[in-house]
Amino acid sequence: MKKIIKYVIADILRNKIVIAYTAFLLVMSLSVFNLEDNTAKGLLSLLNVILLIVPLVSMVFATIYMYNSAEFIELLVSQPLKRKTIWLSLFAGLALSLSLSFFIGAGIPILLYQPSATGIMMLGTGLLLSVIFVAVAILAAVTTRDKAKGIGKVILLWLYFALLFDGLVLFLLFQFADYPLEKAMVAVSALNPIDLSRILILLQLDVSALMGYTGAIFRNFFGTHLGITLSFLTLTVWCVVPLWISMRKFSSKDL
């Protein structure tokens, strides 16, 4: 298992797309922090980049890599190795590589310019988002044989998580404006890891006052140690469940 992980990591880290992704995050992070006098504002500006770019790159790159590695996967399956071991090794290699890219590109500038609880929160959620969307990507890849359909599926999933989900939530809030849905929004936010990460970081930046009554409810839950712990447990579930489903699919898939 270790040999497969090392091979995957070495292969990915030499990839020009991953190098460009790391360089983009590094340049963007340094630019944002140097342009703002207040590093907290720089962190807020960097938030939008992380919540959009990190899931997109993680999903698209992981999906393309899985399809391009089809022959390598078939070779591994022909060896006396358990499919579970092969799949976990591929996932670990992808997740560690993209997490390392994020840490170098955005994590180091965050620790240099904003080594606070807010910065640590952003670093932690960014790493978790990298892992989560790698898990989602490999699930999409293992359930779709056609490469074009698989890539299209992950792009649609990214659009849903990044844009459409918020639109659906706003639509429901407007349709049921006469009902007290603010507390229900706490549970609904758990259905989207990007939204959950955004809420956690915004509350750390103390801008929840701009969110009105809903912001007060979010702060009462997500601002507590229990709320933060449950939020990170929810993000962990977002990592584990897609990985477990994809592993089940791969174990029974006819290659």
Protein backbone atom coordinates (compact mmCIF):
# COMPACT_ATOMS: atom_id res chain seq x y z
CA MET A 1 0.00 0.00 0.00
CA LYS A 2 2.81 2.42 0.88
CA LYS A 3 4.54 1.80 -2.44
CA ILE A 4 1.37 2.59 -4.39
CA ILE A 5 0.79 5.77 -2.38
CA LYS A 6 4.40 6.90 -2.90
CA TYR A 7 4.16 6.22 -6.64
CA VAL A 8 0.88 8.14 -6.98
CA ILE A 9 2.19 11.10 -4.97
CA ALA A 10 5.44 11.25 -6.96
CA ASP A 11 3.50 11.01 -10.23
CA ILE A 12 1.03 13.74 -9.28
CA LEU A 13 3.57 16.17 -7.85
CA ARG A 14 5.45 16.10 -11.18
CA ASN A 15 2.24 16.97 -13.02
CA LYS A 16 2.30 20.45 -14.59
CA ILE A 17 -1.34 21.10 -13.67
CA VAL A 18 -0.64 20.49 -9.97
CA ILE A 19 2.46 22.70 -10.12
CA ALA A 20 0.43 25.46 -11.82
CA TYR A 21 -2.36 25.04 -9.22
CA THR A 22 0.14 25.39 -6.36
CA ALA A 23 1.77 28.43 -7.98
CA PHE A 24 -1.63 30.05 -8.59
CA LEU A 25 -2.67 29.64 -4.96
CA LEU A 26 0.71 30.93 -3.76
CA VAL A 27 0.64 34.03 -5.98
CA MET A 28 -3.01 34.73 -5.15
CA SER A 29 -2.45 34.33 -1.39
CA LEU A 30 0.63 36.54 -1.28
CA SER A 31 -1.05 39.16 -3.47
CA VAL A 32 -4.18 39.28 -1.32
CA PHE A 33 -2.26 39.64 1.94
CA ASN A 34 0.16 42.25 0.56
CA LEU A 35 -2.57 44.38 -1.02
CA GLU A 36 -4.58 44.62 2.22
CA ASP A 37 -3.32 46.58 5.22
CA ASN A 38 -5.54 44.47 7.44
CA THR A 39 -4.65 40.77 7.19
CA ALA A 40 -8.17 39.83 8.36
CA LYS A 41 -9.57 41.49 5.22
CA GLY A 42 -7.00 39.60 3.17
CA LEU A 43 -8.21 36.38 4.75
CA LEU A 44 -11.80 37.25 3.82
CA SER A 45 -10.76 37.94 0.23
CA LEU A 46 -8.86 34.64 0.09
CA LEU A 47 -11.92 32.80 1.40
CA ASN A 48 -13.86 33.12 -1.85
CA VAL A 49 -10.89 31.84 -3.87
CA ILE A 50 -10.47 28.81 -1.62
CA LEU A 51 -14.18 27.92 -1.56
CA LEU A 52 -14.45 28.00 -5.36
CA ILE A 53 -11.04 27.02 -6.78
CA VAL A 54 -10.03 24.26 -4.35
CA PRO A 55 -13.17 22.09 -4.85
CA LEU A 56 -13.12 22.63 -8.63
CA VAL A 57 -9.47 21.68 -9.12
CA SER A 58 -9.69 18.76 -6.66
CA MET A 59 -12.72 17.29 -8.42
CA VAL A 60 -11.66 17.79 -12.04
CA PHE A 61 -8.03 16.76 -11.55
CA ALA A 62 -8.88 13.67 -9.47
CA THR A 63 -11.47 12.55 -12.03
CA ILE A 64 -9.14 12.97 -15.01
CA TYR A 65 -6.32 11.21 -13.13
CA MET A 66 -8.54 8.21 -12.35
CA TYR A 67 -9.59 7.84 -15.99
CA ASN A 68 -6.02 8.26 -17.26
CA SER A 69 -4.82 5.65 -14.75
CA ALA A 70 -7.26 2.98 -15.95
CA GLU A 71 -4.50 0.74 -17.33
CA PHE A 72 -2.40 1.19 -14.19
CA ILE A 73 -5.42 0.25 -12.05
CA GLU A 74 -6.06 -2.85 -14.19
CA LEU A 75 -2.40 -3.85 -13.72
CA LEU A 76 -2.72 -3.48 -9.95
CA VAL A 77 -5.93 -5.51 -9.90
CA SER A 78 -4.16 -8.34 -11.72
CA GLN A 79 -1.64 -8.50 -8.88
CA PRO A 80 -2.29 -10.38 -5.60
CA LEU A 81 -3.63 -7.22 -3.97
CA LYS A 82 -7.02 -6.57 -2.41
CA ARG A 83 -9.16 -4.11 -4.35
CA LYS A 84 -9.84 -2.27 -1.11
CA THR A 85 -6.10 -1.71 -0.64
CA ILE A 86 -5.68 -0.49 -4.23
CA TRP A 87 -8.58 1.94 -3.98
CA LEU A 88 -7.55 3.35 -0.61
CA SER A 89 -3.98 3.78 -1.88
CA LEU A 90 -5.13 5.71 -4.95
CA PHE A 91 -7.39 7.90 -2.83
CA ALA A 92 -4.66 8.54 -0.26
CA GLY A 93 -2.16 9.46 -2.97
CA LEU A 94 -4.57 11.91 -4.62
CA ALA A 95 -5.77 13.43 -1.34
CA LEU A 96 -2.27 13.86 0.11
CA SER A 97 -0.89 15.37 -3.11
CA LEU A 98 -3.68 17.94 -3.52
CA SER A 99 -3.64 18.70 0.21
CA LEU A 100 0.11 19.30 0.02
CA SER A 101 -0.39 21.62 -2.96
CA PHE A 102 -3.00 23.57 -1.02
CA PHE A 103 -0.80 23.77 2.06
CA ILE A 104 2.18 25.09 0.08
CA GLY A 105 0.09 27.47 -2.04
CA ALA A 106 -2.31 28.86 0.56
CA GLY A 107 -1.48 27.31 3.92
CA ILE A 108 2.05 28.71 4.30
CA PRO A 109 1.00 32.32 3.45
CA ILE A 110 -1.94 32.00 5.88
CA LEU A 111 0.38 30.82 8.66
CA LEU A 112 2.86 33.61 7.89
CA TYR A 113 0.37 36.50 7.69
CA GLN A 114 -2.53 35.34 9.88
CA PRO A 115 -1.35 32.70 12.39
CA SER A 116 -4.56 33.05 14.41
CA ALA A 117 -7.49 30.78 15.21
CA THR A 118 -9.23 32.11 12.09
CA GLY A 119 -6.22 31.30 9.92
CA ILE A 120 -5.96 27.81 11.39
CA MET A 121 -9.69 27.33 10.76
CA MET A 122 -9.32 28.36 7.12
CA LEU A 123 -6.30 26.09 6.69
CA GLY A 124 -8.14 23.14 8.24
CA THR A 125 -11.31 23.61 6.18
CA GLY A 126 -9.26 24.06 2.99
CA LEU A 127 -7.44 20.78 3.59
CA LEU A 128 -10.71 19.01 4.38
CA LEU A 129 -12.34 20.41 1.24
CA SER A 130 -9.45 19.06 -0.83
CA VAL A 131 -9.97 15.58 0.62
CA ILE A 132 -13.79 15.73 0.43
CA PHE A 133 -13.91 16.63 -3.25
CA VAL A 134 -11.28 14.04 -4.15
CA ALA A 135 -13.60 11.46 -2.53
CA VAL A 136 -16.58 12.84 -4.47
CA ALA A 137 -14.55 12.82 -7.70
CA ILE A 138 -13.43 9.20 -7.45
CA LEU A 139 -17.02 8.20 -6.68
CA ALA A 140 -18.14 9.93 -9.88
CA ALA A 141 -15.31 8.27 -11.82
CA VAL A 142 -16.04 4.73 -10.60
CA THR A 143 -19.77 5.02 -11.34
CA THR A 144 -19.32 6.35 -14.89
CA ARG A 145 -17.31 4.48 -17.51
CA ASP A 146 -17.27 7.24 -20.12
CA LYS A 147 -14.59 9.86 -19.45
CA ALA A 148 -16.52 12.79 -20.94
CA LYS A 149 -19.64 11.94 -18.93
CA GLY A 150 -17.57 11.54 -15.76
CA ILE A 151 -15.91 14.94 -16.14
CA GLY A 152 -19.27 16.50 -16.99
CA LYS A 153 -20.78 14.93 -13.88
CA VAL A 154 -18.13 16.38 -11.53
CA ILE A 155 -18.46 19.85 -13.11
CA LEU A 156 -22.24 19.71 -12.54
CA LEU A 157 -21.63 18.59 -8.97
CA TRP A 158 -19.26 21.52 -8.43
CA LEU A 159 -21.84 23.93 -9.86
CA TYR A 160 -24.41 22.49 -7.50
CA PHE A 161 -22.25 22.73 -4.38
CA ALA A 162 -20.72 26.13 -5.24
CA LEU A 163 -23.69 27.98 -6.77
CA LEU A 164 -26.99 26.14 -7.16
CA PHE A 165 -27.29 25.00 -3.54
CA ASP A 166 -27.33 28.59 -2.25
CA GLY A 167 -29.94 29.51 -4.87
CA LEU A 168 -32.18 26.62 -3.80
CA VAL A 169 -31.84 27.59 -0.14
CA LEU A 170 -32.75 31.21 -0.89
CA PHE A 171 -35.71 30.05 -2.97
CA LEU A 172 -37.01 27.95 -0.06
CA LEU A 173 -36.50 30.83 2.37
CA PHE A 174 -38.52 33.18 0.16
CA GLN A 175 -41.26 30.59 -0.45
CA PHE A 176 -41.63 29.85 3.27
CA ALA A 177 -40.82 33.31 4.59
CA ASP A 178 -43.77 33.17 7.00
CA TYR A 179 -42.29 30.19 8.83
CA PRO A 180 -39.34 30.22 11.26
CA LEU A 181 -36.80 28.37 9.14
CA GLU A 182 -33.65 29.90 10.63
CA LYS A 183 -32.97 26.95 12.94
CA ALA A 184 -33.63 24.51 10.09
CA MET A 185 -30.91 26.31 8.10
CA VAL A 186 -28.35 25.01 10.61
CA ALA A 187 -29.21 21.45 9.58
CA VAL A 188 -29.47 22.34 5.88
CA SER A 189 -25.97 23.83 5.91
CA ALA A 190 -24.60 20.36 6.77
CA LEU A 191 -25.76 19.17 3.33
CA ASN A 192 -23.10 21.27 1.62
CA PRO A 193 -19.44 21.14 2.78
CA ILE A 194 -18.65 24.44 1.01
CA ASP A 195 -21.44 26.29 2.83
CA LEU A 196 -20.49 24.70 6.13
CA SER A 197 -16.87 25.79 5.68
CA ARG A 198 -17.95 29.31 4.72
CA ILE A 199 -20.11 29.67 7.84
CA LEU A 200 -17.35 28.41 10.15
CA ILE A 201 -14.81 30.89 8.78
CA LEU A 202 -17.20 33.88 8.61
CA LEU A 203 -18.17 33.35 12.24
CA GLN A 204 -14.47 33.29 13.19
CA LEU A 205 -14.05 36.60 11.33
CA ASP A 206 -16.87 38.05 13.47
CA VAL A 207 -18.98 39.23 10.53
CA SER A 208 -22.06 37.27 11.62
CA ALA A 209 -23.69 40.58 12.62
CA LEU A 210 -24.11 41.26 8.91
CA MET A 211 -26.17 38.06 8.62
CA GLY A 212 -28.96 39.29 10.90
CA TYR A 213 -31.07 36.95 13.02
CA THR A 214 -29.88 33.91 11.08
CA GLY A 215 -26.29 34.91 11.84
CA ALA A 216 -27.13 35.05 15.54
CA ILE A 217 -28.53 31.51 15.40
CA PHE A 218 -25.47 30.29 13.49
CA ARG A 219 -23.21 31.89 16.09
CA ASN A 220 -25.14 30.28 18.95
CA PHE A 221 -24.51 26.86 17.38
CA PHE A 222 -21.37 27.04 15.25
CA GLY A 223 -19.66 29.50 17.58
CA THR A 224 -19.56 26.99 20.44
CA HIS A 225 -16.95 24.27 20.93
CA LEU A 226 -19.68 21.65 20.45
CA GLY A 227 -20.83 23.29 17.22
CA ILE A 228 -17.30 23.49 15.82
CA THR A 229 -16.63 19.86 16.78
CA LEU A 230 -19.88 18.67 15.16
CA SER A 231 -19.10 20.73 12.05
CA PHE A 232 -15.70 19.11 11.60
CA LEU A 233 -17.26 15.70 12.27
CA THR A 234 -19.79 16.48 9.52
CA LEU A 235 -16.98 17.40 7.14
CA THR A 236 -15.25 14.14 8.07
CA VAL A 237 -18.45 12.26 7.22
CA TRP A 238 -18.38 14.01 3.84
CA CYS A 239 -14.91 12.49 3.35
CA VAL A 240 -15.76 8.98 4.53
CA VAL A 241 -19.18 8.33 2.96
CA PRO A 242 -18.28 8.99 -0.73
CA LEU A 243 -15.02 7.06 -0.25
CA TRP A 244 -16.85 4.09 1.28
CA ILE A 245 -19.48 4.03 -1.49
CA SER A 246 -16.83 4.29 -4.22
CA MET A 247 -14.82 1.50 -2.59
CA ARG A 248 -17.90 -0.74 -2.57
CA LYS A 249 -18.54 0.06 -6.22
CA PHE A 250 -14.91 -0.62 -7.19
CA SER A 251 -14.80 -3.91 -5.28
CA SER A 252 -17.69 -5.28 -7.35
CA LYS A 253 -16.91 -3.53 -10.64
CA ASP A 254 -16.08 -5.58 -13.72
CA LEU A 255 -12.95 -4.01 -15.20
